[in-house]
Amino acid sequence: MPIYALADRVPTIHPDAFVHPDAVVIGDVRIGADSSIWPGAVLRGDYGTIIVGARTSIQDGAVVHAIADYPTVIGNDCVVGHIAHLEGCVVHDRSLIGSGSIVLHEVVVESGATIGAGAVVRNRTHVPANALVVGVPGQIRPDASSPADIVANAAMYVQNARRYKSELRLFDAP
């Protein structure tokens, strides 16, 4: 699997985490216990730090980047959907970043919030706890998220990552 150091920037991956062989991790990227990084995801900590908490799923094709002034921090029990883009933001515990969404510099997503699929959250937006953000640009709907559903979804990916760690293999067609 392509996991790279870049000069003095080196990844730190918990032994219980799962990084799919087709994901790319570069530089100062810290991945917590029972987290999973799925095929085609790119976590590029070349200019800044990326921190992924425990039991968090970064799904297929997601791009996570950081710049020197704004690390990207994703908490525990989070789900980052397919083809999402996060850069220079803070996502607190038990939050969901929907497929195809974009979360930009200095955004803070409080605990239990959901960024809906395809939403664009502009720089310096504060998303309150348990809120839902939908649309382009993102519109905040207070208390419209379901943190319990997010935690259940995150737990499902922990189990799936364990399955992949034990059962994934290259297939040689006959």
C-alpha atoms as a PDB file:
ATOM      1  CA  MET A   1       0.000   0.000   0.000  1.00  0.00           C
ATOM      2  CA  PRO A   2       1.354   3.449  -0.804  1.00  0.00           C
ATOM      3  CA  ILE A   3       2.233   5.014   2.536  1.00  0.00           C
ATOM      4  CA  TYR A   4       4.914   7.668   2.215  1.00  0.00           C
ATOM      5  CA  ALA A   5       7.102   9.808   4.406  1.00  0.00           C
ATOM      6  CA  LEU A   6       7.972  13.210   2.964  1.00  0.00           C
ATOM      7  CA  ALA A   7      11.219  14.550   4.417  1.00  0.00           C
ATOM      8  CA  ASP A   8      10.555  14.706   8.177  1.00  0.00           C
ATOM      9  CA  ARG A   9       6.780  14.339   7.799  1.00  0.00           C
ATOM     10  CA  VAL A  10       5.922  10.723   8.559  1.00  0.00           C
ATOM     11  CA  PRO A  11       2.590   8.923   8.937  1.00  0.00           C
ATOM     12  CA  THR A  12       1.530   7.413  12.243  1.00  0.00           C
ATOM     13  CA  ILE A  13      -0.990   4.619  11.777  1.00  0.00           C
ATOM     14  CA  HIS A  14      -2.410   2.708  14.730  1.00  0.00           C
ATOM     15  CA  PRO A  15      -1.849  -1.061  14.314  1.00  0.00           C
ATOM     16  CA  ASP A  16      -5.607  -1.675  14.616  1.00  0.00           C
ATOM     17  CA  ALA A  17      -6.407   0.724  11.753  1.00  0.00           C
ATOM     18  CA  PHE A  18      -7.091  -0.522   8.234  1.00  0.00           C
ATOM     19  CA  VAL A  19      -5.592   1.245   5.222  1.00  0.00           C
ATOM     20  CA  HIS A  20      -6.708  -0.344   1.949  1.00  0.00           C
ATOM     21  CA  PRO A  21      -3.819  -1.170  -0.404  1.00  0.00           C
ATOM     22  CA  ASP A  22      -5.213   1.275  -2.990  1.00  0.00           C
ATOM     23  CA  ALA A  23      -5.442   4.238  -0.605  1.00  0.00           C
ATOM     24  CA  VAL A  24      -2.615   6.787  -0.451  1.00  0.00           C
ATOM     25  CA  VAL A  25      -1.247   8.256   2.775  1.00  0.00           C
ATOM     26  CA  ILE A  26       1.499  10.891   2.539  1.00  0.00           C
ATOM     27  CA  GLY A  27       3.348  12.833   5.211  1.00  0.00           C
ATOM     28  CA  ASP A  28       2.081  13.923   8.627  1.00  0.00           C
ATOM     29  CA  VAL A  29      -1.067  11.834   8.772  1.00  0.00           C
ATOM     30  CA  ARG A  30      -2.145  10.290  12.073  1.00  0.00           C
ATOM     31  CA  ILE A  31      -4.757   7.525  11.942  1.00  0.00           C
ATOM     32  CA  GLY A  32      -6.391   6.245  15.129  1.00  0.00           C
ATOM     33  CA  ALA A  33      -7.399   2.788  16.312  1.00  0.00           C
ATOM     34  CA  ASP A  34     -10.084   0.911  14.369  1.00  0.00           C
ATOM     35  CA  SER A  35     -10.267   3.629  11.716  1.00  0.00           C
ATOM     36  CA  SER A  36     -10.454   2.695   8.055  1.00  0.00           C
ATOM     37  CA  ILE A  37      -9.137   4.299   4.883  1.00  0.00           C
ATOM     38  CA  TRP A  38     -10.845   2.852   1.805  1.00  0.00           C
ATOM     39  CA  PRO A  39      -9.798   2.403  -1.881  1.00  0.00           C
ATOM     40  CA  GLY A  40      -8.848   5.543  -3.753  1.00  0.00           C
ATOM     41  CA  ALA A  41      -8.834   7.756  -0.661  1.00  0.00           C
ATOM     42  CA  VAL A  42      -5.924  10.203  -0.511  1.00  0.00           C
ATOM     43  CA  LEU A  43      -4.727  11.697   2.775  1.00  0.00           C
ATOM     44  CA  ARG A  44      -1.972  14.191   1.975  1.00  0.00           C
ATOM     45  CA  GLY A  45      -0.208  15.727   4.954  1.00  0.00           C
ATOM     46  CA  ASP A  46       2.569  17.368   2.980  1.00  0.00           C
ATOM     47  CA  TYR A  47       2.134  20.971   4.173  1.00  0.00           C
ATOM     48  CA  GLY A  48       0.085  20.426   7.311  1.00  0.00           C
ATOM     49  CA  THR A  49      -1.113  17.780   9.730  1.00  0.00           C
ATOM     50  CA  ILE A  50      -4.062  15.437   9.249  1.00  0.00           C
ATOM     51  CA  ILE A  51      -5.477  13.715  12.319  1.00  0.00           C
ATOM     52  CA  VAL A  52      -8.094  10.963  12.013  1.00  0.00           C
ATOM     53  CA  GLY A  53      -9.505   9.803  15.343  1.00  0.00           C
ATOM     54  CA  ALA A  54     -10.562   6.327  16.382  1.00  0.00           C
ATOM     55  CA  ARG A  55     -13.328   4.326  14.667  1.00  0.00           C
ATOM     56  CA  THR A  56     -13.550   6.792  11.790  1.00  0.00           C
ATOM     57  CA  SER A  57     -14.123   5.797   8.179  1.00  0.00           C
ATOM     58  CA  ILE A  58     -12.614   7.704   5.246  1.00  0.00           C
ATOM     59  CA  GLN A  59     -14.423   6.200   2.297  1.00  0.00           C
ATOM     60  CA  ASP A  60     -13.575   5.530  -1.331  1.00  0.00           C
ATOM     61  CA  GLY A  61     -12.174   8.436  -3.326  1.00  0.00           C
ATOM     62  CA  ALA A  62     -12.214  10.929  -0.450  1.00  0.00           C
ATOM     63  CA  VAL A  63      -9.501  13.592  -0.465  1.00  0.00           C
ATOM     64  CA  VAL A  64      -8.208  14.921   2.848  1.00  0.00           C
ATOM     65  CA  HIS A  65      -5.566  17.655   2.735  1.00  0.00           C
ATOM     66  CA  ALA A  66      -4.133  20.189   5.162  1.00  0.00           C
ATOM     67  CA  ILE A  67      -2.123  23.346   4.841  1.00  0.00           C
ATOM     68  CA  ALA A  68       0.443  24.704   7.284  1.00  0.00           C
ATOM     69  CA  ASP A  69      -1.930  27.172   8.936  1.00  0.00           C
ATOM     70  CA  TYR A  70      -4.942  24.847   9.127  1.00  0.00           C
ATOM     71  CA  PRO A  71      -4.579  21.193  10.069  1.00  0.00           C
ATOM     72  CA  THR A  72      -7.425  18.894   9.161  1.00  0.00           C
ATOM     73  CA  VAL A  73      -8.770  17.139  12.226  1.00  0.00           C
ATOM     74  CA  ILE A  74     -11.470  14.464  12.057  1.00  0.00           C
ATOM     75  CA  GLY A  75     -12.706  13.144  15.393  1.00  0.00           C
ATOM     76  CA  ASN A  76     -13.785   9.760  16.701  1.00  0.00           C
ATOM     77  CA  ASP A  77     -16.737   7.769  15.327  1.00  0.00           C
ATOM     78  CA  CYS A  78     -16.999   9.872  12.175  1.00  0.00           C
ATOM     79  CA  VAL A  79     -17.909   8.854   8.641  1.00  0.00           C
ATOM     80  CA  VAL A  80     -16.428  10.688   5.650  1.00  0.00           C
ATOM     81  CA  GLY A  81     -18.391   9.664   2.567  1.00  0.00           C
ATOM     82  CA  HIS A  82     -17.277   8.686  -0.893  1.00  0.00           C
ATOM     83  CA  ILE A  83     -15.529  11.391  -2.935  1.00  0.00           C
ATOM     84  CA  ALA A  84     -15.749  13.999  -0.151  1.00  0.00           C
ATOM     85  CA  HIS A  85     -13.080  16.718   0.065  1.00  0.00           C
ATOM     86  CA  LEU A  86     -11.913  18.066   3.423  1.00  0.00           C
ATOM     87  CA  GLU A  87      -9.192  20.670   3.758  1.00  0.00           C
ATOM     88  CA  GLY A  88      -8.081  22.716   6.749  1.00  0.00           C
ATOM     89  CA  CYS A  89     -11.202  21.994   8.813  1.00  0.00           C
ATOM     90  CA  VAL A  90     -12.126  20.472  12.161  1.00  0.00           C
ATOM     91  CA  VAL A  91     -14.791  17.759  12.305  1.00  0.00           C
ATOM     92  CA  HIS A  92     -15.757  16.844  15.856  1.00  0.00           C
ATOM     93  CA  ASP A  93     -16.758  13.377  17.112  1.00  0.00           C
ATOM     94  CA  ARG A  94     -19.797  11.507  15.798  1.00  0.00           C
ATOM     95  CA  SER A  95     -20.159  13.615  12.654  1.00  0.00           C
ATOM     96  CA  LEU A  96     -20.889  12.563   9.094  1.00  0.00           C
ATOM     97  CA  ILE A  97     -19.486  14.205   5.985  1.00  0.00           C
ATOM     98  CA  GLY A  98     -21.709  13.120   3.100  1.00  0.00           C
ATOM     99  CA  SER A  99     -20.612  11.737  -0.237  1.00  0.00           C
ATOM    100  CA  GLY A 100     -19.363  14.328  -2.684  1.00  0.00           C
ATOM    101  CA  SER A 101     -19.400  17.156  -0.161  1.00  0.00           C
ATOM    102  CA  ILE A 102     -16.701  19.808   0.238  1.00  0.00           C
ATOM    103  CA  VAL A 103     -15.632  21.165   3.643  1.00  0.00           C
ATOM    104  CA  LEU A 104     -13.087  23.977   3.425  1.00  0.00           C
ATOM    105  CA  HIS A 105     -10.628  26.066   5.467  1.00  0.00           C
ATOM    106  CA  GLU A 106     -11.438  27.014   9.041  1.00  0.00           C
ATOM    107  CA  VAL A 107     -14.789  25.218   9.005  1.00  0.00           C
ATOM    108  CA  VAL A 108     -15.757  23.712  12.354  1.00  0.00           C
ATOM    109  CA  VAL A 109     -18.292  20.889  12.316  1.00  0.00           C
ATOM    110  CA  GLU A 110     -19.503  20.330  15.866  1.00  0.00           C
ATOM    111  CA  SER A 111     -20.274  16.912  17.323  1.00  0.00           C
ATOM    112  CA  GLY A 112     -23.201  14.992  15.875  1.00  0.00           C
ATOM    113  CA  ALA A 113     -23.580  17.177  12.782  1.00  0.00           C
ATOM    114  CA  THR A 114     -24.165  15.930   9.255  1.00  0.00           C
ATOM    115  CA  ILE A 115     -22.899  17.546   6.066  1.00  0.00           C
ATOM    116  CA  GLY A 116     -25.325  16.307   3.414  1.00  0.00           C
ATOM    117  CA  ALA A 117     -24.234  14.674   0.178  1.00  0.00           C
ATOM    118  CA  GLY A 118     -22.969  17.214  -2.333  1.00  0.00           C
ATOM    119  CA  ALA A 119     -23.047  20.154   0.107  1.00  0.00           C
ATOM    120  CA  VAL A 120     -20.371  22.835  -0.040  1.00  0.00           C
ATOM    121  CA  VAL A 121     -19.404  24.302   3.326  1.00  0.00           C
ATOM    122  CA  ARG A 122     -17.554  27.567   2.743  1.00  0.00           C
ATOM    123  CA  ASN A 123     -14.513  28.868   4.631  1.00  0.00           C
ATOM    124  CA  ARG A 124     -14.964  29.854   8.288  1.00  0.00           C
ATOM    125  CA  THR A 125     -18.454  28.334   8.617  1.00  0.00           C
ATOM    126  CA  HIS A 126     -19.433  27.071  12.061  1.00  0.00           C
ATOM    127  CA  VAL A 127     -21.797  24.080  11.952  1.00  0.00           C
ATOM    128  CA  PRO A 128     -23.563  23.654  15.308  1.00  0.00           C
ATOM    129  CA  ALA A 129     -23.851  20.319  17.101  1.00  0.00           C
ATOM    130  CA  ASN A 130     -26.536  18.005  15.667  1.00  0.00           C
ATOM    131  CA  ALA A 131     -27.172  20.295  12.680  1.00  0.00           C
ATOM    132  CA  LEU A 132     -27.623  19.230   9.067  1.00  0.00           C
ATOM    133  CA  VAL A 133     -26.023  21.187   6.221  1.00  0.00           C
ATOM    134  CA  VAL A 134     -27.453  20.826   2.719  1.00  0.00           C
ATOM    135  CA  GLY A 135     -27.006  22.592  -0.602  1.00  0.00           C
ATOM    136  CA  VAL A 136     -24.563  24.799  -2.447  1.00  0.00           C
ATOM    137  CA  PRO A 137     -23.638  26.909  -0.642  1.00  0.00           C
ATOM    138  CA  GLY A 138     -24.487  24.897   2.448  1.00  0.00           C
ATOM    139  CA  GLN A 139     -27.538  25.934   4.442  1.00  0.00           C
ATOM    140  CA  ILE A 140     -27.654  24.969   8.120  1.00  0.00           C
ATOM    141  CA  ARG A 141     -30.718  23.213   9.526  1.00  0.00           C
ATOM    142  CA  PRO A 142     -30.465  23.079  13.334  1.00  0.00           C
ATOM    143  CA  ASP A 143     -31.083  19.810  15.169  1.00  0.00           C
ATOM    144  CA  ALA A 144     -31.763  17.850  11.977  1.00  0.00           C
ATOM    145  CA  SER A 145     -28.934  15.305  12.295  1.00  0.00           C
ATOM    146  CA  SER A 146     -29.021  11.917  14.013  1.00  0.00           C
ATOM    147  CA  PRO A 147     -25.810  11.295  15.986  1.00  0.00           C
ATOM    148  CA  ALA A 148     -27.007   7.801  16.969  1.00  0.00           C
ATOM    149  CA  ASP A 149     -27.264   6.860  13.274  1.00  0.00           C
ATOM    150  CA  ILE A 150     -23.788   8.251  12.637  1.00  0.00           C
ATOM    151  CA  VAL A 151     -22.257   6.180  15.454  1.00  0.00           C
ATOM    152  CA  ALA A 152     -24.046   3.060  14.158  1.00  0.00           C
ATOM    153  CA  ASN A 153     -22.706   3.740  10.664  1.00  0.00           C
ATOM    154  CA  ALA A 154     -19.172   4.251  12.013  1.00  0.00           C
ATOM    155  CA  ALA A 155     -19.428   0.974  13.974  1.00  0.00           C
ATOM    156  CA  MET A 156     -20.487  -0.851  10.810  1.00  0.00           C
ATOM    157  CA  TYR A 157     -17.296   0.344   9.088  1.00  0.00           C
ATOM    158  CA  VAL A 158     -15.167  -0.814  12.037  1.00  0.00           C
ATOM    159  CA  GLN A 159     -16.589  -4.309  11.532  1.00  0.00           C
ATOM    160  CA  ASN A 160     -16.142  -4.117   7.758  1.00  0.00           C
ATOM    161  CA  ALA A 161     -12.501  -3.049   8.171  1.00  0.00           C
ATOM    162  CA  ARG A 162     -11.865  -6.032  10.459  1.00  0.00           C
ATOM    163  CA  ARG A 163     -13.352  -8.284   7.786  1.00  0.00           C
ATOM    164  CA  TYR A 164     -11.116  -6.733   5.129  1.00  0.00           C
ATOM    165  CA  LYS A 165      -8.016  -7.090   7.307  1.00  0.00           C
ATOM    166  CA  SER A 166      -8.642 -10.814   7.641  1.00  0.00           C
ATOM    167  CA  GLU A 167     -10.204 -11.714   4.284  1.00  0.00           C
ATOM    168  CA  LEU A 168      -8.971  -9.341   1.552  1.00  0.00           C
ATOM    169  CA  ARG A 169      -6.667 -10.928  -1.015  1.00  0.00           C
ATOM    170  CA  LEU A 170      -5.719 -10.417  -4.619  1.00  0.00           C
ATOM    171  CA  PHE A 171      -7.708 -12.629  -6.941  1.00  0.00           C
ATOM    172  CA  ASP A 172      -5.986 -14.488  -9.741  1.00  0.00           C
ATOM    173  CA  ALA A 173      -8.578 -15.220 -12.389  1.00  0.00           C
ATOM    174  CA  PRO A 174      -8.394 -18.727 -13.841  1.00  0.00           C
END
